PDB file of N, CA and C in Angstrom:
ATOM      1  N   MET A   1       0.930  -1.491  -0.088  1.00  0.00           N
ATOM      2  CA  MET A   1      -0.159  -0.111  -0.240  1.00  0.00           C
ATOM      3  C   MET A   1       0.639   1.380  -0.039  1.00  0.00           C
ATOM      4  N   LYS A   2       1.941   1.104   0.811  1.00  0.00           N
ATOM      5  CA  LYS A   2       2.997   2.477   0.677  1.00  0.00           C
ATOM      6  C   LYS A   2       3.298   2.594  -0.567  1.00  0.00           C
ATOM      7  N   ILE A   3       3.681   1.691  -1.591  1.00  0.00           N
ATOM      8  CA  ILE A   3       4.090   1.894  -2.966  1.00  0.00           C
ATOM      9  C   ILE A   3       3.157   2.410  -3.873  1.00  0.00           C
ATOM     10  N   GLU A   4       1.808   2.405  -3.555  1.00  0.00           N
ATOM     11  CA  GLU A   4       0.698   2.870  -4.422  1.00  0.00           C
ATOM     12  C   GLU A   4       0.944   4.303  -4.073  1.00  0.00           C
ATOM     13  N   ILE A   5       0.992   4.738  -2.650  1.00  0.00           N
ATOM     14  CA  ILE A   5       0.955   6.277  -1.802  1.00  0.00           C
ATOM     15  C   ILE A   5       2.059   7.050  -2.678  1.00  0.00           C
ATOM     16  N   GLU A   6       3.167   6.305  -2.762  1.00  0.00           N
ATOM     17  CA  GLU A   6       4.480   7.029  -3.581  1.00  0.00           C
ATOM     18  C   GLU A   6       4.026   7.331  -4.872  1.00  0.00           C
ATOM     19  N   ASN A   7       3.431   6.341  -5.801  1.00  0.00           N
ATOM     20  CA  ASN A   7       3.579   6.105  -6.928  1.00  0.00           C
ATOM     21  C   ASN A   7       2.251   7.548  -7.356  1.00  0.00           C
ATOM     22  N   LYS A   8       0.910   7.542  -6.242  1.00  0.00           N
ATOM     23  CA  LYS A   8       0.316   8.841  -6.473  1.00  0.00           C
ATOM     24  C   LYS A   8       0.933  10.034  -6.562  1.00  0.00           C
ATOM     25  N   GLU A   9       1.592  10.288  -5.464  1.00  0.00           N
ATOM     26  CA  GLU A   9       2.619  11.272  -5.323  1.00  0.00           C
ATOM     27  C   GLU A   9       3.462  11.919  -6.150  1.00  0.00           C
ATOM     28  N   ARG A  10       4.126  10.841  -6.954  1.00  0.00           N
ATOM     29  CA  ARG A  10       5.449  11.330  -7.822  1.00  0.00           C
ATOM     30  C   ARG A  10       4.536  12.198  -8.965  1.00  0.00           C
ATOM     31  N   PRO A  11       3.435  11.848  -9.611  1.00  0.00           N
ATOM     32  CA  PRO A  11       3.142  12.644 -10.509  1.00  0.00           C
ATOM     33  C   PRO A  11       2.731  14.149 -10.193  1.00  0.00           C
ATOM     34  N   GLU A  12       2.271  14.152  -8.963  1.00  0.00           N
ATOM     35  CA  GLU A  12       2.280  15.534  -8.533  1.00  0.00           C
ATOM     36  C   GLU A  12       3.423  16.124  -8.335  1.00  0.00           C
ATOM     37  N   GLU A  13       4.495  15.375  -7.635  1.00  0.00           N
ATOM     38  CA  GLU A  13       5.496  16.066  -7.462  1.00  0.00           C
ATOM     39  C   GLU A  13       6.179  16.770  -8.817  1.00  0.00           C
ATOM     40  N   LEU A  14       6.209  15.535 -10.147  1.00  0.00           N
ATOM     41  CA  LEU A  14       6.619  15.864 -11.214  1.00  0.00           C
ATOM     42  C   LEU A  14       5.817  17.186 -11.890  1.00  0.00           C
ATOM     43  N   LEU A  15       4.522  17.589 -11.761  1.00  0.00           N
ATOM     44  CA  LEU A  15       3.669  18.388 -12.451  1.00  0.00           C
ATOM     45  C   LEU A  15       4.379  19.705 -11.404  1.00  0.00           C
ATOM     46  N   GLU A  16       4.555  19.705 -10.396  1.00  0.00           N
ATOM     47  CA  GLU A  16       4.833  20.827  -9.648  1.00  0.00           C
ATOM     48  C   GLU A  16       6.650  21.276 -10.040  1.00  0.00           C
ATOM     49  N   LEU A  17       7.178  20.208 -10.268  1.00  0.00           N
ATOM     50  CA  LEU A  17       8.823  20.389 -10.840  1.00  0.00           C
ATOM     51  C   LEU A  17       8.389  21.201 -12.068  1.00  0.00           C
ATOM     52  N   ILE A  18       7.579  20.808 -13.111  1.00  0.00           N
ATOM     53  CA  ILE A  18       7.506  21.018 -14.442  1.00  0.00           C
ATOM     54  C   ILE A  18       6.996  22.525 -14.558  1.00  0.00           C
ATOM     55  N   ASN A  19       5.903  22.868 -13.570  1.00  0.00           N
ATOM     56  CA  ASN A  19       5.224  24.262 -13.433  1.00  0.00           C
ATOM     57  C   ASN A  19       6.022  25.194 -12.806  1.00  0.00           C
ATOM     58  N   LYS A  20       7.283  25.098 -12.485  1.00  0.00           N
ATOM     59  CA  LYS A  20       7.926  25.951 -11.978  1.00  0.00           C
ATOM     60  C   LYS A  20       8.275  27.373 -12.960  1.00  0.00           C
ATOM     61  N   GLY A  21       8.381  27.018 -14.084  1.00  0.00           N
ATOM     62  CA  GLY A  21       8.182  27.663 -14.777  1.00  0.00           C
ATOM     63  C   GLY A  21       9.852  28.409 -15.522  1.00  0.00           C
ATOM     64  N   ARG A  22      10.925  27.622 -15.108  1.00  0.00           N
ATOM     65  CA  ARG A  22      12.082  27.935 -15.484  1.00  0.00           C
ATOM     66  C   ARG A  22      12.453  26.951 -16.551  1.00  0.00           C
ATOM     67  N   TYR A  23      11.782  25.811 -16.949  1.00  0.00           N
ATOM     68  CA  TYR A  23      11.951  25.171 -18.119  1.00  0.00           C
ATOM     69  C   TYR A  23      11.406  25.420 -19.260  1.00  0.00           C
ATOM     70  N   PHE A  24      11.716  24.713 -20.425  1.00  0.00           N
ATOM     71  CA  PHE A  24      11.425  24.919 -21.775  1.00  0.00           C
ATOM     72  C   PHE A  24      10.939  26.493 -21.913  1.00  0.00           C
ATOM     73  N   THR A  25      12.270  27.157 -22.001  1.00  0.00           N
ATOM     74  CA  THR A  25      12.331  28.206 -22.716  1.00  0.00           C
ATOM     75  C   THR A  25      12.723  28.584 -23.798  1.00  0.00           C
ATOM     76  N   LYS A  26      13.687  27.546 -24.382  1.00  0.00           N
ATOM     77  CA  LYS A  26      14.416  27.654 -25.606  1.00  0.00           C
ATOM     78  C   LYS A  26      13.449  28.042 -26.821  1.00  0.00           C
ATOM     79  N   LEU A  27      12.536  27.023 -26.902  1.00  0.00           N
ATOM     80  CA  LEU A  27      11.515  27.053 -27.901  1.00  0.00           C
ATOM     81  C   LEU A  27      10.661  27.910 -27.905  1.00  0.00           C
ATOM     82  N   LYS A  28      10.093  28.987 -28.649  1.00  0.00           N
ATOM     83  CA  LYS A  28       9.064  29.902 -28.441  1.00  0.00           C
ATOM     84  C   LYS A  28       7.725  29.536 -29.569  1.00  0.00           C
ATOM     85  N   ALA A  29       6.733  29.424 -29.066  1.00  0.00           N
ATOM     86  CA  ALA A  29       5.688  28.792 -29.998  1.00  0.00           C
ATOM     87  C   ALA A  29       5.350  29.645 -30.724  1.00  0.00           C
ATOM     88  N   VAL A  30       5.001  29.642 -31.948  1.00  0.00           N
ATOM     89  CA  VAL A  30       4.281  30.108 -33.084  1.00  0.00           C
ATOM     90  C   VAL A  30       2.938  30.382 -32.987  1.00  0.00           C
ATOM     91  N   PRO A  31       2.340  31.457 -32.758  1.00  0.00           N
ATOM     92  CA  PRO A  31       0.908  32.026 -32.415  1.00  0.00           C
ATOM     93  C   PRO A  31       0.244  31.208 -33.666  1.00  0.00           C
ATOM     94  N   LYS A  32      -1.012  30.596 -33.362  1.00  0.00           N
ATOM     95  CA  LYS A  32      -1.618  29.985 -34.483  1.00  0.00           C
ATOM     96  C   LYS A  32      -1.281  28.975 -35.065  1.00  0.00           C
ATOM     97  N   GLU A  33      -0.152  28.419 -35.003  1.00  0.00           N
ATOM     98  CA  GLU A  33       0.445  27.000 -35.520  1.00  0.00           C
ATOM     99  C   GLU A  33       0.593  26.126 -34.407  1.00  0.00           C
ATOM    100  N   THR A  34       0.006  24.954 -34.913  1.00  0.00           N
ATOM    101  CA  THR A  34       0.288  23.601 -34.291  1.00  0.00           C
ATOM    102  C   THR A  34       1.641  22.957 -34.432  1.00  0.00           C
ATOM    103  N   ASN A  35       2.325  22.921 -33.373  1.00  0.00           N
ATOM    104  CA  ASN A  35       4.038  22.035 -33.142  1.00  0.00           C
ATOM    105  C   ASN A  35       4.538  22.758 -34.013  1.00  0.00           C
ATOM    106  N   SER A  36       4.851  24.429 -34.042  1.00  0.00           N
ATOM    107  CA  SER A  36       5.936  25.198 -34.720  1.00  0.00           C
ATOM    108  C   SER A  36       6.453  25.980 -33.588  1.00  0.00           C
ATOM    109  N   PHE A  37       7.742  26.210 -33.676  1.00  0.00           N
ATOM    110  CA  PHE A  37       8.320  26.855 -32.802  1.00  0.00           C
ATOM    111  C   PHE A  37       9.371  28.240 -33.210  1.00  0.00           C
ATOM    112  N   THR A  38       9.942  28.958 -32.431  1.00  0.00           N
ATOM    113  CA  THR A  38      11.214  29.988 -33.058  1.00  0.00           C
ATOM    114  C   THR A  38      12.341  29.293 -32.009  1.00  0.00           C
ATOM    115  N   ILE A  39      13.586  29.536 -32.515  1.00  0.00           N
ATOM    116  CA  ILE A  39      14.485  29.727 -31.587  1.00  0.00           C
ATOM    117  C   ILE A  39      15.144  30.828 -32.043  1.00  0.00           C
ATOM    118  N   PRO A  40      15.427  31.818 -30.507  1.00  0.00           N
ATOM    119  CA  PRO A  40      16.092  33.144 -30.510  1.00  0.00           C
ATOM    120  C   PRO A  40      17.752  32.783 -30.850  1.00  0.00           C
ATOM    121  N   LEU A  41      18.419  33.607 -31.898  1.00  0.00           N
ATOM    122  CA  LEU A  41      19.528  33.315 -32.221  1.00  0.00           C
ATOM    123  C   LEU A  41      20.005  34.948 -32.121  1.00  0.00           C
ATOM    124  N   LYS A  42      20.940  35.205 -31.430  1.00  0.00           N
ATOM    125  CA  LYS A  42      21.479  36.543 -31.171  1.00  0.00           C
ATOM    126  C   LYS A  42      22.475  36.933 -32.340  1.00  0.00           C
ATOM    127  N   VAL A  43      22.441  37.923 -32.489  1.00  0.00           N
ATOM    128  CA  VAL A  43      23.803  38.155 -33.572  1.00  0.00           C
ATOM    129  C   VAL A  43      23.736  39.928 -33.316  1.00  0.00           C
ATOM    130  N   SER A  44      24.834  40.674 -33.843  1.00  0.00           N
ATOM    131  CA  SER A  44      25.001  42.106 -33.670  1.00  0.00           C
ATOM    132  C   SER A  44      24.717  42.644 -34.666  1.00  0.00           C
ATOM    133  N   SER A  45      24.289  42.124 -35.822  1.00  0.00           N
ATOM    134  CA  SER A  45      24.149  42.918 -37.124  1.00  0.00           C
ATOM    135  C   SER A  45      23.915  42.284 -37.954  1.00  0.00           C
ATOM    136  N   TYR A  46      23.053  42.645 -39.218  1.00  0.00           N
ATOM    137  CA  TYR A  46      22.939  41.862 -40.626  1.00  0.00           C
ATOM    138  C   TYR A  46      24.093  41.263 -40.917  1.00  0.00           C
ATOM    139  N   ASN A  47      25.369  42.122 -40.704  1.00  0.00           N
ATOM    140  CA  ASN A  47      26.606  41.652 -41.587  1.00  0.00           C
ATOM    141  C   ASN A  47      27.005  40.100 -40.727  1.00  0.00           C
ATOM    142  N   GLU A  48      26.837  40.103 -39.377  1.00  0.00           N
ATOM    143  CA  GLU A  48      27.258  38.869 -38.823  1.00  0.00           C
ATOM    144  C   GLU A  48      26.131  37.443 -39.185  1.00  0.00           C
ATOM    145  N   LEU A  49      25.101  38.060 -39.413  1.00  0.00           N
ATOM    146  CA  LEU A  49      24.033  37.168 -39.811  1.00  0.00           C
ATOM    147  C   LEU A  49      24.546  36.604 -41.157  1.00  0.00           C
ATOM    148  N   ASN A  50      24.839  37.408 -42.038  1.00  0.00           N
ATOM    149  CA  ASN A  50      24.983  37.125 -43.311  1.00  0.00           C
ATOM    150  C   ASN A  50      26.161  36.176 -43.344  1.00  0.00           C
ATOM    151  N   LEU A  51      27.509  36.426 -42.279  1.00  0.00           N
ATOM    152  CA  LEU A  51      28.645  35.630 -41.979  1.00  0.00           C
ATOM    153  C   LEU A  51      28.395  34.232 -41.784  1.00  0.00           C
ATOM    154  N   MET A  52      27.562  34.109 -40.609  1.00  0.00           N
ATOM    155  CA  MET A  52      26.963  32.815 -40.235  1.00  0.00           C
ATOM    156  C   MET A  52      26.250  32.086 -41.194  1.00  0.00           C
ATOM    157  N   VAL A  53      25.485  32.448 -41.986  1.00  0.00           N
ATOM    158  CA  VAL A  53      24.532  31.769 -42.761  1.00  0.00           C
ATOM    159  C   VAL A  53      25.562  31.733 -44.132  1.00  0.00           C
ATOM    160  N   SER A  54      26.793  32.319 -44.542  1.00  0.00           N
ATOM    161  CA  SER A  54      27.584  31.819 -45.174  1.00  0.00           C
ATOM    162  C   SER A  54      28.281  30.674 -45.020  1.00  0.00           C
ATOM    163  N   ASP A  55      28.628  30.944 -43.702  1.00  0.00           N
ATOM    164  CA  ASP A  55      29.734  29.716 -43.151  1.00  0.00           C
ATOM    165  C   ASP A  55      29.213  28.372 -43.027  1.00  0.00           C
ATOM    166  N   LEU A  56      27.646  28.658 -42.956  1.00  0.00           N
ATOM    167  CA  LEU A  56      26.839  27.406 -42.678  1.00  0.00           C
ATOM    168  C   LEU A  56      26.733  26.888 -44.037  1.00  0.00           C
ATOM    169  N   LEU A  57      26.708  27.244 -45.205  1.00  0.00           N
ATOM    170  CA  LEU A  57      26.605  27.099 -46.509  1.00  0.00           C
ATOM    171  C   LEU A  57      27.650  26.782 -46.958  1.00  0.00           C
ATOM    172  N   LYS A  58      28.860  27.193 -47.027  1.00  0.00           N
ATOM    173  CA  LYS A  58      30.086  27.082 -47.219  1.00  0.00           C
ATOM    174  C   LYS A  58      30.410  25.481 -46.966  1.00  0.00           C
ATOM    175  N   ALA A  59      30.388  25.340 -45.260  1.00  0.00           N
ATOM    176  CA  ALA A  59      30.434  24.065 -44.830  1.00  0.00           C
ATOM    177  C   ALA A  59      29.790  22.794 -45.452  1.00  0.00           C
ATOM    178  N   SER A  60      28.353  23.201 -45.702  1.00  0.00           N
ATOM    179  CA  SER A  60      27.603  22.304 -46.302  1.00  0.00           C
ATOM    180  C   SER A  60      28.243  22.104 -47.950  1.00  0.00           C
ATOM    181  N   ILE A  61      28.618  22.954 -48.736  1.00  0.00           N
ATOM    182  CA  ILE A  61      29.137  22.606 -49.905  1.00  0.00           C
ATOM    183  C   ILE A  61      30.042  21.988 -49.635  1.00  0.00           C
ATOM    184  N   ILE A  62      30.973  22.536 -48.886  1.00  0.00           N
ATOM    185  CA  ILE A  62      32.646  21.407 -48.810  1.00  0.00           C
ATOM    186  C   ILE A  62      32.226  19.738 -48.337  1.00  0.00           C
ATOM    187  N   LEU A  63      31.384  19.873 -47.610  1.00  0.00           N
ATOM    188  CA  LEU A  63      31.355  18.424 -47.254  1.00  0.00           C
ATOM    189  C   LEU A  63      30.333  17.629 -48.110  1.00  0.00           C
ATOM    190  N   LEU A  64      29.459  18.378 -48.772  1.00  0.00           N
ATOM    191  CA  LEU A  64      28.604  17.364 -50.048  1.00  0.00           C
ATOM    192  C   LEU A  64      29.371  17.225 -51.239  1.00  0.00           C
ATOM    193  N   ASN A  65      30.449  18.143 -51.442  1.00  0.00           N
ATOM    194  CA  ASN A  65      31.028  18.122 -52.515  1.00  0.00           C
ATOM    195  C   ASN A  65      32.436  17.369 -52.712  1.00  0.00           C
ATOM    196  N   PRO A  66      32.573  16.423 -53.365  1.00  0.00           N
ATOM    197  CA  PRO A  66      33.929  15.484 -52.924  1.00  0.00           C
ATOM    198  C   PRO A  66      35.221  16.386 -53.803  1.00  0.00           C
ATOM    199  N   ASP A  67      34.977  17.215 -54.617  1.00  0.00           N
ATOM    200  CA  ASP A  67      36.257  18.225 -55.181  1.00  0.00           C
ATOM    201  C   ASP A  67      35.808  19.495 -54.308  1.00  0.00           C
ATOM    202  N   ALA A  68      36.492  19.867 -52.820  1.00  0.00           N
ATOM    203  CA  ALA A  68      36.102  20.948 -52.253  1.00  0.00           C
ATOM    204  C   ALA A  68      36.664  22.245 -53.262  1.00  0.00           C
ATOM    205  N   ASN A  69      37.767  21.980 -53.936  1.00  0.00           N
ATOM    206  CA  ASN A  69      38.189  23.322 -54.325  1.00  0.00           C
ATOM    207  C   ASN A  69      37.043  23.897 -55.374  1.00  0.00           C
ATOM    208  N   GLY A  70      36.144  23.040 -56.138  1.00  0.00           N
ATOM    209  CA  GLY A  70      35.036  23.606 -56.330  1.00  0.00           C
ATOM    210  C   GLY A  70      34.344  24.623 -55.981  1.00  0.00           C
ATOM    211  N   LEU A  71      34.592  24.769 -54.595  1.00  0.00           N
ATOM    212  CA  LEU A  71      33.748  25.902 -53.802  1.00  0.00           C
ATOM    213  C   LEU A  71      34.415  27.015 -54.232  1.00  0.00           C
ATOM    214  N   SER A  72      35.729  27.256 -54.638  1.00  0.00           N
ATOM    215  CA  SER A  72      36.170  28.728 -55.085  1.00  0.00           C
ATOM    216  C   SER A  72      35.410  29.488 -56.127  1.00  0.00           C
ATOM    217  N   SER A  73      34.733  28.703 -57.158  1.00  0.00           N
ATOM    218  CA  SER A  73      33.995  29.296 -57.888  1.00  0.00           C
ATOM    219  C   SER A  73      32.706  29.754 -57.634  1.00  0.00           C
ATOM    220  N   PHE A  74      32.308  29.401 -56.434  1.00  0.00           N
ATOM    221  CA  PHE A  74      31.000  29.863 -56.101  1.00  0.00           C
ATOM    222  C   PHE A  74      31.121  31.445 -55.128  1.00  0.00           C
ATOM    223  N   THR A  75      32.538  31.484 -54.568  1.00  0.00           N
ATOM    224  CA  THR A  75      32.838  32.349 -53.626  1.00  0.00           C
ATOM    225  C   THR A  75      34.406  32.856 -53.514  1.00  0.00           C
ATOM    226  N   LYS A  76      34.419  34.064 -53.374  1.00  0.00           N
ATOM    227  CA  LYS A  76      35.981  34.351 -53.294  1.00  0.00           C
ATOM    228  C   LYS A  76      36.881  33.727 -52.008  1.00  0.00           C
ATOM    229  N   ASP A  77      36.158  33.784 -51.034  1.00  0.00           N
ATOM    230  CA  ASP A  77      36.361  33.068 -49.850  1.00  0.00           C
ATOM    231  C   ASP A  77      35.995  31.679 -49.454  1.00  0.00           C
ATOM    232  N   PHE A  78      36.710  30.674 -49.857  1.00  0.00           N
ATOM    233  CA  PHE A  78      36.289  29.285 -49.183  1.00  0.00           C
ATOM    234  C   PHE A  78      36.573  28.793 -47.809  1.00  0.00           C
ATOM    235  N   ASN A  79      37.284  29.584 -47.040  1.00  0.00           N
ATOM    236  CA  ASN A  79      37.599  29.255 -45.668  1.00  0.00           C
ATOM    237  C   ASN A  79      36.087  29.246 -45.058  1.00  0.00           C
ATOM    238  N   VAL A  80      35.923  28.303 -44.221  1.00  0.00           N
ATOM    239  CA  VAL A  80      34.800  28.270 -43.250  1.00  0.00           C
ATOM    240  C   VAL A  80      35.259  28.432 -41.778  1.00  0.00           C
ATOM    241  N   ASN A  81      34.735  29.646 -41.324  1.00  0.00           N
ATOM    242  CA  ASN A  81      34.868  29.880 -39.622  1.00  0.00           C
ATOM    243  C   ASN A  81      34.274  29.129 -38.711  1.00  0.00           C
ATOM    244  N   VAL A  82      34.927  28.036 -38.483  1.00  0.00           N
ATOM    245  CA  VAL A  82      34.434  26.914 -37.378  1.00  0.00           C
ATOM    246  C   VAL A  82      33.829  27.631 -36.255  1.00  0.00           C
ATOM    247  N   MET A  83      34.732  28.697 -36.227  1.00  0.00           N
ATOM    248  CA  MET A  83      34.002  29.129 -34.941  1.00  0.00           C
ATOM    249  C   MET A  83      33.028  29.564 -34.515  1.00  0.00           C
ATOM    250  N   THR A  84      32.541  30.327 -35.954  1.00  0.00           N
ATOM    251  CA  THR A  84      30.773  31.155 -36.067  1.00  0.00           C
ATOM    252  C   THR A  84      29.707  29.673 -35.899  1.00  0.00           C
ATOM    253  N   LEU A  85      30.129  28.554 -36.415  1.00  0.00           N
ATOM    254  CA  LEU A  85      29.277  27.257 -36.282  1.00  0.00           C
ATOM    255  C   LEU A  85      29.490  26.771 -34.802  1.00  0.00           C
ATOM    256  N   LEU A  86      30.424  27.029 -34.290  1.00  0.00           N
ATOM    257  CA  LEU A  86      30.183  26.227 -32.856  1.00  0.00           C
ATOM    258  C   LEU A  86      29.431  27.258 -31.964  1.00  0.00           C
ATOM    259  N   GLU A  87      29.295  28.670 -32.451  1.00  0.00           N
ATOM    260  CA  GLU A  87      28.704  29.808 -31.667  1.00  0.00           C
ATOM    261  C   GLU A  87      27.277  29.317 -31.947  1.00  0.00           C
ATOM    262  N   ILE A  88      26.735  29.161 -33.045  1.00  0.00           N
ATOM    263  CA  ILE A  88      25.393  28.704 -33.406  1.00  0.00           C
ATOM    264  C   ILE A  88      24.940  27.694 -32.652  1.00  0.00           C
ATOM    265  N   ALA A  89      25.936  26.746 -32.542  1.00  0.00           N
ATOM    266  CA  ALA A  89      25.550  25.283 -32.150  1.00  0.00           C
ATOM    267  C   ALA A  89      25.337  25.824 -30.329  1.00  0.00           C
ATOM    268  N   LEU A  90      25.685  26.671 -29.716  1.00  0.00           N
ATOM    269  CA  LEU A  90      25.965  26.957 -28.447  1.00  0.00           C
ATOM    270  C   LEU A  90      24.573  27.418 -28.150  1.00  0.00           C
ATOM    271  N   GLN A  91      24.374  28.539 -28.900  1.00  0.00           N
ATOM    272  CA  GLN A  91      22.973  29.470 -28.676  1.00  0.00           C
ATOM    273  C   GLN A  91      22.055  28.403 -28.936  1.00  0.00           C
ATOM    274  N   LEU A  92      21.960  27.441 -29.601  1.00  0.00           N
ATOM    275  CA  LEU A  92      21.009  26.244 -29.876  1.00  0.00           C
ATOM    276  C   LEU A  92      20.954  25.369 -28.843  1.00  0.00           C
ATOM    277  N   LEU A  93      21.945  25.288 -28.114  1.00  0.00           N
ATOM    278  CA  LEU A  93      21.519  24.219 -26.861  1.00  0.00           C
ATOM    279  C   LEU A  93      20.322  24.640 -26.201  1.00  0.00           C
ATOM    280  N   PRO A  94      19.473  24.091 -25.596  1.00  0.00           N
ATOM    281  CA  PRO A  94      18.692  24.118 -24.550  1.00  0.00           C
ATOM    282  C   PRO A  94      19.172  23.709 -22.967  1.00  0.00           C
ATOM    283  N   GLU A  95      19.751  24.546 -22.432  1.00  0.00           N
ATOM    284  CA  GLU A  95      20.222  24.505 -21.228  1.00  0.00           C
ATOM    285  C   GLU A  95      19.238  24.355 -19.932  1.00  0.00           C
ATOM    286  N   ASP A  96      17.806  25.232 -20.448  1.00  0.00           N
ATOM    287  CA  ASP A  96      17.263  24.938 -19.159  1.00  0.00           C
ATOM    288  C   ASP A  96      16.177  23.637 -19.309  1.00  0.00           C
ATOM    289  N   GLU A  97      16.174  23.071 -20.338  1.00  0.00           N
ATOM    290  CA  GLU A  97      15.957  21.722 -20.369  1.00  0.00           C
ATOM    291  C   GLU A  97      16.639  20.722 -19.895  1.00  0.00           C
ATOM    292  N   MET A  98      18.064  21.020 -20.162  1.00  0.00           N
ATOM    293  CA  MET A  98      19.096  19.949 -19.585  1.00  0.00           C
ATOM    294  C   MET A  98      18.786  19.813 -17.848  1.00  0.00           C
ATOM    295  N   GLU A  99      18.520  20.753 -17.510  1.00  0.00           N
ATOM    296  CA  GLU A  99      18.375  21.028 -15.774  1.00  0.00           C
ATOM    297  C   GLU A  99      17.003  20.040 -15.667  1.00  0.00           C
ATOM    298  N   LEU A 100      16.143  20.406 -16.438  1.00  0.00           N
ATOM    299  CA  LEU A 100      14.938  19.425 -16.247  1.00  0.00           C
ATOM    300  C   LEU A 100      15.112  18.067 -16.348  1.00  0.00           C
ATOM    301  N   LEU A 101      15.787  17.726 -17.218  1.00  0.00           N
ATOM    302  CA  LEU A 101      16.180  16.257 -17.283  1.00  0.00           C
ATOM    303  C   LEU A 101      17.243  15.941 -16.043  1.00  0.00           C
ATOM    304  N   ASP A 102      17.829  16.413 -15.661  1.00  0.00           N
ATOM    305  CA  ASP A 102      18.438  15.924 -14.315  1.00  0.00           C
ATOM    306  C   ASP A 102      17.893  15.984 -13.161  1.00  0.00           C
ATOM    307  N   ASP A 103      16.613  16.692 -13.237  1.00  0.00           N
ATOM    308  CA  ASP A 103      15.576  17.068 -12.178  1.00  0.00           C
ATOM    309  C   ASP A 103      14.866  15.329 -12.224  1.00  0.00           C
ATOM    310  N   LEU A 104      14.442  15.201 -13.470  1.00  0.00           N
ATOM    311  CA  LEU A 104      13.503  14.247 -13.576  1.00  0.00           C
ATOM    312  C   LEU A 104      13.925  13.106 -13.775  1.00  0.00           C
ATOM    313  N   TRP A 105      15.642  12.740 -13.812  1.00  0.00           N
ATOM    314  CA  TRP A 105      16.634  11.798 -13.410  1.00  0.00           C
ATOM    315  C   TRP A 105      16.028  11.185 -11.967  1.00  0.00           C
ATOM    316  N   LYS A 106      16.097  12.256 -11.110  1.00  0.00           N
ATOM    317  CA  LYS A 106      15.904  11.879  -9.746  1.00  0.00           C
ATOM    318  C   LYS A 106      14.556  11.076  -9.217  1.00  0.00           C
ATOM    319  N   PHE A 107      13.425  10.971 -10.318  1.00  0.00           N
ATOM    320  CA  PHE A 107      12.399  10.593 -10.354  1.00  0.00           C
ATOM    321  C   PHE A 107      12.379   8.866 -10.508  1.00  0.00           C
ATOM    322  N   GLN A 108      13.610   8.714 -10.964  1.00  0.00           N
ATOM    323  CA  GLN A 108      13.228   7.190 -11.787  1.00  0.00           C
ATOM    324  C   GLN A 108      13.807   6.263 -10.637  1.00  0.00           C
TER     325      GLN A 108
END
């Protein structure tokens, strides 16, 4: 009987934990759309945004093109700034949600 009581209390604890409001902050729901979200990506200028997108495209072309030298026909600068790609990845990591997973792990 004690096991049943513990099991009934655990979902309530779980809901209380989730409703604290500090989780699920990375994705922002798109109004009037089902299952659509946006992710904030901080940039300092249009130029920085352009460089980020450019590096993503260059990296994709290089990885998809077996002859990487062919990239030079698309652009003057075919060097990819890997730091930019890593900065994008860092901004996309859902830190608050990872904390929730740590808290949920305690419920197992």
